Protein backbone atom coordinates (compact mmCIF):
# COMPACT_ATOMS: atom_id res chain seq x y z
CA MET A 1 30.46 -5.98 11.47
CA GLU A 2 27.50 -5.20 9.27
CA LYS A 3 26.88 -1.85 9.72
CA HIS A 4 30.07 -1.68 7.39
CA TYR A 5 28.88 -3.34 4.32
CA SER A 6 29.39 -1.99 0.77
CA GLY A 7 29.50 -2.35 -2.54
CA THR A 8 26.44 -3.99 -4.66
CA ALA A 9 26.61 -7.68 -5.34
CA ILE A 10 24.59 -7.71 -8.63
CA ASP A 11 23.93 -5.33 -11.20
CA ILE A 12 22.09 -5.63 -13.86
CA ASP A 13 21.52 -3.09 -17.25
CA SER A 14 20.42 -5.14 -19.58
CA ASN A 15 16.86 -6.81 -20.30
CA ASP A 16 15.29 -10.32 -20.45
CA ASN A 17 17.42 -11.62 -17.97
CA VAL A 18 16.10 -13.91 -14.79
CA ILE A 19 17.96 -14.06 -11.35
CA THR A 20 17.19 -16.99 -9.46
CA ASP A 21 18.12 -19.33 -6.45
CA VAL A 22 20.51 -17.00 -4.91
CA VAL A 23 21.43 -16.35 -1.56
CA ILE A 24 23.24 -12.40 -0.95
CA PHE A 25 25.42 -11.75 1.65
CA SER A 26 27.58 -8.96 2.70
CA ALA A 27 26.66 -5.89 0.64
CA ALA A 28 24.87 -2.71 0.82
CA VAL A 29 22.98 -3.36 -2.18
CA GLY A 30 22.13 -6.91 -3.21
CA ILE A 31 20.24 -6.10 -6.54
CA VAL A 32 20.03 -3.35 -8.83
CA LEU A 33 17.80 -3.26 -11.66
CA ARG A 34 18.52 -0.48 -14.10
CA SER A 35 16.82 -1.88 -17.17
CA GLU A 36 13.39 -3.52 -18.35
CA ALA A 37 11.81 -7.11 -18.36
CA ASN A 38 14.03 -8.74 -15.95
CA THR A 39 12.83 -11.37 -13.27
CA VAL A 40 14.42 -12.14 -10.05
CA THR A 41 12.80 -15.19 -8.29
CA GLY A 42 13.79 -17.24 -5.30
CA VAL A 43 16.09 -14.73 -3.93
CA HIS A 44 17.55 -14.78 -0.26
CA CYS A 45 18.42 -10.92 0.04
CA TYR A 46 20.99 -11.34 3.54
CA ASN A 47 22.57 -8.38 2.62
CA LYS A 48 23.50 -5.31 4.64
CA ALA A 49 20.10 -4.43 6.84
CA ASP A 50 17.94 -1.75 5.95
CA VAL A 51 18.70 0.11 9.64
CA TYR A 52 22.21 0.39 8.40
CA GLY A 53 21.07 1.85 5.26
CA GLY A 54 21.42 -1.34 2.98
CA VAL A 55 18.87 -2.37 0.34
CA GLY A 56 18.31 -5.96 -0.66
CA ILE A 57 16.81 -4.82 -4.22
CA LEU A 58 16.56 -1.71 -6.19
CA VAL A 59 14.81 -1.08 -9.10
CA LYS A 60 15.25 1.65 -11.12
CA PRO A 61 13.03 4.24 -12.86
CA GLU A 62 14.00 2.88 -15.70
CA ALA A 63 13.80 -0.83 -15.04
CA SER A 64 9.66 -1.25 -15.98
CA LEU A 65 8.67 -4.54 -16.66
CA THR A 66 10.12 -6.12 -13.50
CA ARG A 67 9.01 -9.30 -11.95
CA ILE A 68 10.11 -9.80 -8.19
CA GLY A 69 8.37 -12.95 -7.12
CA ASN A 70 8.92 -15.66 -4.09
CA CYS A 71 12.00 -13.87 -2.88
CA TYR A 72 12.41 -13.97 0.70
CA MET A 73 14.04 -10.49 2.55
CA ASP A 74 15.76 -10.81 5.61
CA PHE A 75 16.18 -7.27 6.84
CA THR A 76 16.59 -6.12 3.89
CA GLY A 77 14.03 -4.63 1.49
CA VAL A 78 13.15 -3.59 -1.62
CA VAL A 79 12.96 0.13 -2.90
CA ILE A 80 11.41 1.02 -6.23
CA GLU A 81 11.99 4.04 -8.07
CA ASP A 82 9.24 5.91 -9.81
CA PRO A 83 7.64 2.65 -10.43
CA SER A 84 6.30 1.51 -13.79
CA GLN A 85 4.98 -1.89 -14.40
CA VAL A 86 6.87 -3.53 -11.66
CA ARG A 87 5.33 -6.52 -9.46
CA VAL A 88 6.47 -7.96 -6.06
CA THR A 89 4.45 -10.67 -5.21
CA ASP A 90 4.57 -13.88 -3.05
CA GLY A 91 7.51 -12.83 -0.98
CA LEU A 92 8.75 -12.93 2.86
CA PHE A 93 9.64 -9.66 3.99
CA ILE A 94 10.82 -10.47 8.23
CA GLY A 95 13.13 -8.09 10.51
CA GLY A 96 10.62 -4.65 9.67
CA ALA A 97 11.74 -5.15 6.01
CA ASN A 98 9.39 -3.64 3.43
CA VAL A 99 9.01 -2.08 0.03
CA VAL A 100 9.94 1.77 -0.60
CA LEU A 101 8.55 3.61 -3.32
CA ARG A 102 10.83 6.57 -3.42
CA SER A 103 10.09 9.39 -5.85
CA ILE A 104 12.23 10.47 -8.48
CA LYS A 105 9.92 12.29 -10.48
CA GLY A 106 6.40 11.68 -8.96
CA SER A 107 5.00 9.14 -10.78
CA ILE A 108 3.69 5.07 -10.73
CA SER A 109 2.36 3.54 -13.21
CA GLY A 110 1.71 -0.12 -13.18
CA LEU A 111 2.18 -1.04 -9.27
CA ASN A 112 1.22 -4.82 -8.15
CA ILE A 113 2.47 -5.91 -4.74
CA GLU A 114 0.42 -8.34 -3.39
CA GLY A 115 0.64 -11.76 -1.18
CA ASN A 116 3.24 -11.05 0.53
CA MET A 117 3.72 -11.74 4.23
CA PHE A 118 5.27 -8.97 6.73
CA ARG A 119 7.10 -9.08 10.02
CA GLY A 120 8.33 -7.22 12.33
CA TYR A 121 9.35 -6.34 15.55
CA GLU A 122 6.35 -5.83 18.76
CA GLY A 123 6.36 -2.53 19.12
CA VAL A 124 8.47 -0.94 16.40
CA GLY A 125 5.40 -0.88 14.15
CA ASN A 126 7.34 -0.05 10.44
CA SER A 127 4.42 0.49 7.71
CA ILE A 128 4.96 -2.50 5.18
CA VAL A 129 4.96 -0.44 2.58
CA GLU A 130 6.06 3.48 2.58
CA LEU A 131 6.46 6.44 0.27
CA ASP A 132 9.58 8.25 0.35
CA GLY A 133 8.34 11.73 -1.07
CA ASN A 134 5.49 13.12 -3.07
CA PHE A 135 3.61 11.41 -5.87
CA THR A 136 1.68 13.18 -7.87
CA ALA A 137 0.78 11.39 -10.92
CA VAL A 138 -0.97 7.86 -9.74
CA ASP A 139 -2.41 4.68 -11.89
CA GLN A 140 -2.70 1.23 -12.01
CA VAL A 141 -1.93 0.44 -8.10
CA VAL A 142 -2.71 -2.40 -6.58
CA ILE A 143 -1.13 -3.79 -3.30
CA GLU A 144 -3.44 -5.75 -1.29
CA ARG A 145 -4.24 -9.29 0.16
CA ASN A 146 -0.97 -9.49 2.33
CA ASN A 147 -0.51 -10.44 5.60
CA VAL A 148 1.65 -8.59 8.65
CA LYS A 149 2.93 -9.00 12.53
CA ASP A 150 4.21 -6.38 14.36
CA MET A 151 4.17 -4.05 11.44
CA VAL A 152 1.38 -1.75 9.88
CA LEU A 153 -0.75 -2.31 7.36
CA LYS A 154 -0.99 -0.35 4.36
CA SER A 155 -3.43 -1.10 0.96
CA THR A 156 -4.92 0.84 -2.20
CA ALA A 157 -8.50 -0.49 -0.57
CA GLY A 158 -10.15 -0.51 2.72
CA ARG A 159 -13.33 -1.35 4.32
CA VAL A 160 -14.20 0.17 8.17
CA THR A 161 -17.51 -0.34 9.94
CA VAL A 162 -18.71 2.25 12.45
CA ALA A 163 -21.85 1.57 14.17
CA GLY A 164 -23.76 4.14 17.35
CA HIS A 165 -26.35 6.36 17.57
CA GLY A 166 -26.70 9.70 15.83
CA SER A 167 -26.36 11.44 12.65
CA ARG A 168 -23.21 11.75 11.45
CA TRP A 169 -21.07 9.20 11.11
CA VAL A 170 -17.28 9.06 10.40
CA ALA A 171 -14.81 6.32 8.45
CA ASP A 172 -11.53 7.23 8.90
CA PHE A 173 -9.25 5.03 6.02
CA SER A 174 -5.93 7.32 7.01
CA ARG A 175 -4.37 4.28 8.74
CA VAL A 176 -4.29 1.51 6.19
CA LEU A 177 -4.41 3.59 2.61
CA ILE A 178 -1.20 4.32 1.49
CA PHE A 179 -1.35 7.12 -0.21
CA PRO A 180 -2.45 10.46 1.58
CA ASN A 181 -5.59 12.58 0.86
CA ARG A 182 -6.56 10.21 -2.25
CA VAL A 183 -10.12 8.02 -2.51
CA SER A 184 -10.81 7.07 -6.28
CA HIS A 185 -13.99 5.03 -5.51
CA PHE A 186 -16.45 4.30 -2.55
CA GLN A 187 -19.48 2.57 -2.00
CA TYR A 188 -21.26 2.50 1.36
CA ALA A 189 -24.38 0.76 3.15
CA PHE A 190 -26.97 2.20 5.65
CA HIS A 191 -27.93 -0.76 8.64
CA ILE A 192 -31.00 1.39 10.53
CA ARG A 193 -31.52 -0.68 13.81
CA GLY A 194 -35.07 0.59 15.51
CA ALA A 195 -37.23 3.55 15.08
CA ALA A 196 -35.77 7.23 14.38
CA GLU A 197 -36.01 9.47 17.04
CA GLY A 198 -39.58 11.54 16.59
CA GLY A 199 -41.58 8.16 17.09
CA GLY A 200 -42.92 6.23 13.66
CA GLY A 201 -41.81 2.45 12.19
CA VAL A 202 -38.41 0.97 11.65
CA GLY A 203 -36.31 3.36 10.47
CA ASN A 204 -38.88 6.18 9.99
CA ASN A 205 -38.60 7.03 6.57
CA VAL A 206 -34.68 8.56 7.08
CA THR A 207 -32.60 9.71 4.44
CA HIS A 208 -29.04 9.92 4.39
CA TRP A 209 -26.04 10.55 1.71
CA VAL A 210 -22.28 11.09 1.94
CA SER A 211 -21.70 14.67 2.63
CA GLY A 212 -18.20 14.32 2.21
CA VAL A 213 -14.58 12.74 1.49
CA ARG A 214 -11.76 14.39 2.78
CA ARG A 215 -8.58 13.29 4.15
CA ASN A 216 -9.13 9.48 3.34
CA ALA A 217 -12.03 9.88 5.27
CA VAL A 218 -15.92 9.18 4.04
CA VAL A 219 -18.47 11.30 5.98
CA VAL A 220 -21.99 9.86 6.07
CA GLU A 221 -24.69 11.88 7.60
CA SER A 222 -28.67 10.90 8.44
CA SER A 223 -31.50 13.29 8.15
CA ALA A 224 -32.28 12.23 11.17
CA LYS A 225 -30.79 10.29 14.75
CA VAL A 226 -30.95 6.68 15.01
CA ASN A 227 -28.97 3.80 15.51
CA ALA A 228 -26.64 3.05 12.33
CA VAL A 229 -24.53 0.57 11.32
CA VAL A 230 -22.50 2.07 8.08
CA SER A 231 -20.30 -0.18 6.22
CA VAL A 232 -17.86 1.35 3.79
CA VAL A 233 -15.59 0.70 1.01
CA VAL A 234 -12.56 2.46 -1.11
CA ASP A 235 -9.94 2.32 -3.16
CA GLN A 236 -7.42 4.39 -4.55
CA TYR A 237 -7.14 2.40 -7.95
CA ASN A 238 -7.36 4.42 -10.91
CA ALA A 239 -6.66 3.29 -15.05
CA VAL A 240 -4.88 5.32 -16.94
CA ASP A 241 -6.40 8.47 -18.04
CA GLU A 242 -9.65 8.13 -15.61
CA THR A 243 -10.55 11.20 -14.18
CA SER A 244 -10.67 11.60 -9.90
CA TYR A 245 -13.24 13.74 -9.07
CA LEU A 246 -12.75 13.05 -5.60
CA LEU A 247 -9.55 14.49 -5.34
CA SER A 248 -10.70 18.36 -4.78
CA GLU A 249 -12.30 17.10 -1.70
CA SER A 250 -9.66 15.20 -0.55
């Protein structure tokens, strides 16, 4: 039975290899990468499902410069430990399979998860990318342009529009952003519809500002109550050695 599958199908412990056009069955772990500059492309991982503890592709911390492209992850996912210059692109993940970022020493430097398709189960709703442990050192991470059905989209960027009458608007990104309490950059636009309370012309020279960035939410306030549309864009991308001025607020 599948839940009793064991062993590893392909174990790579050298540099500069290419694994291509392979279908993997009947293994607990499909591929393990332990060294640098390896490429996995066009691989169909149909080994032990992740619900039984299986892993399709396991990238160890020392396996930097890894490229995983155009792979079919069939009920079994990708696990990357302390990612360092790793790309996962143009893949197909079905049956709730996803990408797990596993913390060993708590660092990520250089990770792209882009252009993938994810399909899960209605009502289950696991995330397309999950964190296994806490990451304290994070830079150059881009998780964008993925599409999803019956799973939860996660990203390193988000946009939210909040509309209503008042003097305070909260744009909450906690559901979409992958890293908790970490907003690196933000921009916002403030559109007033009609006059402010107290009379006068449209907008009535109302001032507005960002009053806080906390727990992956951006708070915008105004000097008077107005009917407004507030659009906010944020990201969690940090360049190498870039100071994160907002983390102390988060």
